[in-house]
N, C-alpha and C. Protein backbone atom coordinates (compact mmCIF):
# COMPACT_ATOMS: atom_id res chain seq x y z
N PHE A 1 85.40 75.01 78.04
CA PHE A 1 85.51 75.77 79.27
C PHE A 1 86.72 76.65 79.18
N GLY A 2 86.71 77.74 79.92
CA GLY A 2 87.84 78.65 79.95
C GLY A 2 88.45 78.68 81.34
N VAL A 3 89.78 78.57 81.37
CA VAL A 3 90.50 78.58 82.64
C VAL A 3 91.54 79.68 82.59
N CYS A 4 91.59 80.47 83.64
CA CYS A 4 92.57 81.55 83.75
C CYS A 4 93.57 81.18 84.84
N PRO A 5 94.82 80.79 84.46
CA PRO A 5 95.80 80.54 85.52
C PRO A 5 96.24 81.86 86.12
N ASN A 6 96.26 81.93 87.43
CA ASN A 6 96.66 83.13 88.15
C ASN A 6 98.00 82.85 88.81
N PHE A 7 99.10 83.23 88.14
CA PHE A 7 100.43 82.99 88.68
C PHE A 7 100.75 84.06 89.69
N ALA A 8 100.81 83.66 90.94
CA ALA A 8 100.99 84.62 92.03
C ALA A 8 101.60 83.91 93.22
N PRO A 9 102.16 84.69 94.15
CA PRO A 9 102.59 84.05 95.39
C PRO A 9 101.38 83.40 96.05
N SER A 10 101.59 82.46 96.93
CA SER A 10 100.47 81.82 97.61
C SER A 10 99.55 82.89 98.18
N LEU A 11 98.26 82.73 97.93
CA LEU A 11 97.30 83.77 98.26
C LEU A 11 96.51 83.46 99.52
N PRO A 12 96.27 84.48 100.35
CA PRO A 12 95.36 84.26 101.47
C PRO A 12 93.93 84.13 100.92
N ALA A 13 93.07 83.46 101.64
CA ALA A 13 91.70 83.24 101.18
C ALA A 13 90.96 84.56 100.92
N SER A 14 91.35 85.61 101.62
CA SER A 14 90.67 86.90 101.48
C SER A 14 91.14 87.72 100.28
N HIS A 15 92.14 87.24 99.56
CA HIS A 15 92.72 88.04 98.47
C HIS A 15 91.73 88.25 97.33
N SER A 16 91.68 89.46 96.81
CA SER A 16 90.88 89.77 95.63
C SER A 16 91.73 89.52 94.39
N ARG A 17 91.19 88.78 93.45
CA ARG A 17 91.93 88.49 92.21
C ARG A 17 92.07 89.72 91.33
N ARG A 18 91.47 90.81 91.73
CA ARG A 18 91.54 92.02 90.93
C ARG A 18 92.68 92.93 91.39
N ALA A 19 93.39 92.56 92.45
CA ALA A 19 94.44 93.42 93.00
C ALA A 19 95.82 92.89 92.63
N PRO A 20 96.80 93.78 92.46
CA PRO A 20 98.17 93.30 92.24
C PRO A 20 98.62 92.46 93.43
N ILE A 21 99.48 91.52 93.19
CA ILE A 21 99.87 90.57 94.22
C ILE A 21 101.35 90.68 94.53
N GLY A 22 101.67 90.96 95.78
CA GLY A 22 103.04 90.88 96.27
C GLY A 22 104.01 91.84 95.61
N PRO A 23 105.21 91.87 96.15
CA PRO A 23 106.25 92.73 95.58
C PRO A 23 106.71 92.19 94.23
N PRO A 24 107.08 93.08 93.31
CA PRO A 24 107.50 92.63 91.98
C PRO A 24 108.66 91.64 92.01
N LEU A 25 109.54 91.77 92.99
CA LEU A 25 110.70 90.89 93.01
C LEU A 25 110.36 89.46 93.44
N ALA A 26 109.09 89.20 93.74
CA ALA A 26 108.68 87.84 94.07
C ALA A 26 108.93 86.90 92.90
N SER A 27 108.99 87.43 91.68
CA SER A 27 109.24 86.62 90.49
C SER A 27 110.71 86.25 90.33
N ALA A 28 111.60 86.98 90.97
CA ALA A 28 113.04 86.78 90.77
C ALA A 28 113.50 85.35 91.08
N PRO A 29 113.09 84.74 92.21
CA PRO A 29 113.53 83.36 92.47
C PRO A 29 113.05 82.37 91.40
N ARG A 30 111.84 82.59 90.90
CA ARG A 30 111.31 81.70 89.85
C ARG A 30 112.16 81.84 88.58
N ILE A 31 112.51 83.05 88.23
CA ILE A 31 113.34 83.28 87.05
C ILE A 31 114.70 82.62 87.25
N ALA A 32 115.27 82.79 88.43
CA ALA A 32 116.58 82.20 88.72
C ALA A 32 116.51 80.68 88.64
N SER A 33 115.43 80.08 89.16
CA SER A 33 115.33 78.62 89.17
C SER A 33 115.20 78.04 87.78
N ARG A 34 114.70 78.82 86.85
CA ARG A 34 114.53 78.32 85.48
C ARG A 34 115.83 78.38 84.70
N GLY A 35 116.79 79.19 85.18
CA GLY A 35 118.08 79.28 84.51
C GLY A 35 117.94 79.63 83.04
N ALA A 36 118.62 78.88 82.19
CA ALA A 36 118.60 79.14 80.75
C ALA A 36 117.25 78.81 80.13
N ALA A 37 116.37 78.13 80.87
CA ALA A 37 115.06 77.77 80.33
C ALA A 37 114.10 78.96 80.28
N HIS A 38 114.42 80.04 81.03
CA HIS A 38 113.55 81.22 80.96
C HIS A 38 113.81 81.90 79.63
N ARG A 39 112.77 82.21 78.89
CA ARG A 39 112.95 82.64 77.50
C ARG A 39 113.59 84.01 77.32
N SER A 40 113.51 84.89 78.32
CA SER A 40 114.06 86.22 78.08
C SER A 40 114.85 86.82 79.23
N LEU A 41 114.76 86.26 80.42
CA LEU A 41 115.44 86.85 81.57
C LEU A 41 116.28 85.82 82.31
N SER A 42 117.30 86.32 82.98
CA SER A 42 118.08 85.46 83.87
C SER A 42 118.34 86.24 85.15
N ALA A 43 118.66 85.50 86.20
CA ALA A 43 118.93 86.15 87.48
C ALA A 43 120.13 87.09 87.38
N ALA A 44 121.02 86.81 86.43
CA ALA A 44 122.21 87.64 86.26
C ALA A 44 121.95 88.90 85.44
N HIS A 45 120.76 89.03 84.87
CA HIS A 45 120.46 90.21 84.05
C HIS A 45 120.57 91.46 84.91
N PRO A 46 121.43 92.41 84.52
CA PRO A 46 121.66 93.58 85.38
C PRO A 46 120.42 94.45 85.59
N GLN A 47 119.46 94.37 84.68
CA GLN A 47 118.26 95.19 84.79
C GLN A 47 117.06 94.43 85.35
N LEU A 48 117.27 93.19 85.85
CA LEU A 48 116.15 92.37 86.31
C LEU A 48 115.26 93.10 87.32
N PRO A 49 115.80 93.70 88.39
CA PRO A 49 114.91 94.39 89.33
C PRO A 49 114.08 95.49 88.66
N ALA A 50 114.71 96.27 87.79
CA ALA A 50 113.99 97.36 87.11
C ALA A 50 112.93 96.81 86.17
N ILE A 51 113.23 95.73 85.47
CA ILE A 51 112.27 95.11 84.56
C ILE A 51 111.05 94.61 85.34
N LEU A 52 111.30 93.94 86.47
CA LEU A 52 110.19 93.43 87.27
C LEU A 52 109.36 94.57 87.86
N GLU A 53 110.01 95.64 88.28
CA GLU A 53 109.29 96.81 88.81
C GLU A 53 108.40 97.43 87.73
N ARG A 54 108.94 97.59 86.51
CA ARG A 54 108.14 98.16 85.41
C ARG A 54 106.97 97.25 85.06
N THR A 55 107.22 95.96 85.06
CA THR A 55 106.15 95.01 84.75
C THR A 55 105.04 95.10 85.79
N ALA A 56 105.42 95.17 87.06
CA ALA A 56 104.41 95.28 88.13
C ALA A 56 103.66 96.60 88.03
N ALA A 57 104.36 97.68 87.68
CA ALA A 57 103.72 98.99 87.58
C ALA A 57 102.70 99.02 86.44
N ALA A 58 102.93 98.21 85.41
CA ALA A 58 102.04 98.18 84.25
C ALA A 58 100.87 97.20 84.44
N PHE A 59 100.84 96.52 85.60
CA PHE A 59 99.79 95.54 85.87
C PHE A 59 98.41 96.15 85.75
N GLU A 60 97.54 95.49 85.02
CA GLU A 60 96.15 95.89 84.92
C GLU A 60 95.30 94.68 85.32
N PRO A 61 94.59 94.77 86.42
CA PRO A 61 93.77 93.63 86.84
C PRO A 61 92.64 93.39 85.85
N LEU A 62 92.19 92.15 85.81
CA LEU A 62 91.03 91.84 84.98
C LEU A 62 89.80 92.50 85.57
N ALA A 63 88.99 93.05 84.71
CA ALA A 63 87.74 93.65 85.15
C ALA A 63 86.75 92.54 85.49
N ALA A 64 85.75 92.85 86.27
CA ALA A 64 84.75 91.86 86.69
C ALA A 64 84.13 91.16 85.48
N GLU A 65 83.81 91.92 84.43
CA GLU A 65 83.21 91.30 83.24
C GLU A 65 84.18 90.36 82.54
N GLU A 66 85.48 90.63 82.63
CA GLU A 66 86.47 89.72 82.06
C GLU A 66 86.57 88.45 82.91
N LEU A 67 86.56 88.59 84.23
CA LEU A 67 86.63 87.44 85.11
C LEU A 67 85.46 86.49 84.90
N HIS A 68 84.30 87.04 84.58
CA HIS A 68 83.11 86.21 84.39
C HIS A 68 83.17 85.38 83.10
N ARG A 69 84.12 85.66 82.23
CA ARG A 69 84.27 84.88 80.99
C ARG A 69 84.90 83.52 81.26
N PHE A 70 85.51 83.37 82.42
CA PHE A 70 86.20 82.12 82.76
C PHE A 70 85.32 81.24 83.64
N ASP A 71 85.43 79.96 83.41
CA ASP A 71 84.72 79.00 84.26
C ASP A 71 85.47 78.79 85.58
N ALA A 72 86.76 79.08 85.58
CA ALA A 72 87.56 78.92 86.79
C ALA A 72 88.81 79.78 86.71
N ILE A 73 89.26 80.20 87.87
CA ILE A 73 90.55 80.87 87.99
C ILE A 73 91.37 80.00 88.92
N LEU A 74 92.48 79.50 88.42
CA LEU A 74 93.31 78.58 89.19
C LEU A 74 94.52 79.33 89.71
N ASP A 75 94.67 79.36 91.02
CA ASP A 75 95.82 80.03 91.64
C ASP A 75 97.03 79.11 91.59
N VAL A 76 98.08 79.59 90.98
CA VAL A 76 99.33 78.84 90.84
C VAL A 76 100.43 79.68 91.47
N GLY A 77 101.09 79.17 92.49
CA GLY A 77 102.09 79.93 93.21
C GLY A 77 103.35 80.20 92.41
N LEU A 78 103.80 81.44 92.44
CA LEU A 78 105.05 81.81 91.76
C LEU A 78 106.24 81.03 92.30
N GLU A 79 106.15 80.64 93.57
CA GLU A 79 107.27 79.93 94.18
C GLU A 79 107.34 78.47 93.72
N GLN A 80 106.33 78.00 92.99
CA GLN A 80 106.33 76.62 92.52
C GLN A 80 107.24 76.47 91.30
N SER A 81 107.85 75.29 91.19
CA SER A 81 108.59 74.98 89.96
C SER A 81 107.56 74.80 88.85
N MET A 82 108.02 74.76 87.61
CA MET A 82 107.10 74.55 86.50
C MET A 82 106.39 73.21 86.64
N ALA A 83 107.11 72.17 87.08
CA ALA A 83 106.49 70.85 87.27
C ALA A 83 105.42 70.92 88.34
N GLN A 84 105.69 71.63 89.45
CA GLN A 84 104.70 71.76 90.51
C GLN A 84 103.49 72.56 90.02
N ALA A 85 103.75 73.62 89.25
CA ALA A 85 102.65 74.43 88.72
C ALA A 85 101.76 73.59 87.80
N LEU A 86 102.38 72.77 86.97
CA LEU A 86 101.61 71.90 86.08
C LEU A 86 100.77 70.92 86.91
N ARG A 87 101.37 70.34 87.94
CA ARG A 87 100.62 69.43 88.80
C ARG A 87 99.42 70.14 89.46
N THR A 88 99.63 71.37 89.90
CA THR A 88 98.56 72.14 90.50
C THR A 88 97.39 72.31 89.53
N VAL A 89 97.71 72.70 88.30
CA VAL A 89 96.66 72.90 87.29
C VAL A 89 95.96 71.58 86.99
N VAL A 90 96.72 70.51 86.78
CA VAL A 90 96.13 69.20 86.47
C VAL A 90 95.23 68.74 87.62
N GLU A 91 95.71 68.88 88.86
CA GLU A 91 94.90 68.47 90.02
C GLU A 91 93.59 69.24 90.09
N GLU A 92 93.64 70.54 89.81
CA GLU A 92 92.42 71.35 89.83
C GLU A 92 91.46 70.93 88.72
N LEU A 93 91.99 70.62 87.54
CA LEU A 93 91.14 70.16 86.44
C LEU A 93 90.52 68.81 86.76
N LEU A 94 91.29 67.92 87.40
CA LEU A 94 90.75 66.62 87.82
C LEU A 94 89.65 66.79 88.86
N LYS A 95 89.86 67.68 89.85
CA LYS A 95 88.85 67.92 90.89
C LYS A 95 87.52 68.37 90.30
N ARG A 96 87.61 69.16 89.23
CA ARG A 96 86.40 69.70 88.61
C ARG A 96 85.81 68.75 87.56
N ASN A 97 86.45 67.59 87.39
CA ASN A 97 86.04 66.62 86.37
C ASN A 97 86.11 67.18 84.96
N TRP A 98 87.02 68.13 84.74
CA TRP A 98 87.24 68.69 83.41
C TRP A 98 88.34 67.94 82.69
N LEU A 99 89.00 67.08 83.41
CA LEU A 99 90.05 66.22 82.87
C LEU A 99 89.89 64.90 83.60
N THR A 100 89.97 63.82 82.85
CA THR A 100 89.86 62.51 83.49
C THR A 100 91.24 61.88 83.62
N SER A 101 91.37 60.99 84.57
CA SER A 101 92.63 60.26 84.73
C SER A 101 92.96 59.49 83.47
N GLU A 102 91.93 58.94 82.84
CA GLU A 102 92.13 58.18 81.61
C GLU A 102 92.69 59.07 80.50
N ALA A 103 92.13 60.24 80.32
CA ALA A 103 92.62 61.18 79.31
C ALA A 103 94.07 61.58 79.61
N LEU A 104 94.37 61.77 80.87
CA LEU A 104 95.72 62.12 81.28
C LEU A 104 96.70 61.00 80.94
N ARG A 105 96.31 59.77 81.24
CA ARG A 105 97.16 58.61 80.90
C ARG A 105 97.35 58.50 79.39
N MET A 106 96.29 58.68 78.65
CA MET A 106 96.35 58.56 77.18
C MET A 106 97.29 59.64 76.59
N SER A 107 97.21 60.86 77.11
CA SER A 107 98.08 61.91 76.59
C SER A 107 99.53 61.62 76.93
N ALA A 108 99.78 61.01 78.09
CA ALA A 108 101.16 60.66 78.46
C ALA A 108 101.69 59.55 77.56
N LEU A 109 100.82 58.66 77.14
CA LEU A 109 101.24 57.55 76.26
C LEU A 109 101.58 58.03 74.85
N ARG A 110 101.01 59.14 74.43
CA ARG A 110 101.25 59.65 73.07
C ARG A 110 102.64 60.27 72.90
N ARG A 111 103.32 60.52 73.96
CA ARG A 111 104.64 61.17 73.86
C ARG A 111 105.63 60.30 73.19
């Protein structure tokens, strides 16, 4: 199965997944919360606002035919921590029976 995580601010039910979401600076708090764990940006980066603006301006929504390639699109809020985002994805996979609790336990035991 194919899953497309949609990292975005919390979405209203009426939102089209083909439209850009929210102001570009919505990502800034997430970047700041990750601190040194963010691979390329920090809240202290002097060009952060400009980088986020350019990234948002370059946004290209998935076309309908691309969206149909996925079995599900999971909305993951930008305001969530990485741990919360992971829980959101796991919960959605469990709801769809694409992941079992047993498989989840087994993968945790392998660490």
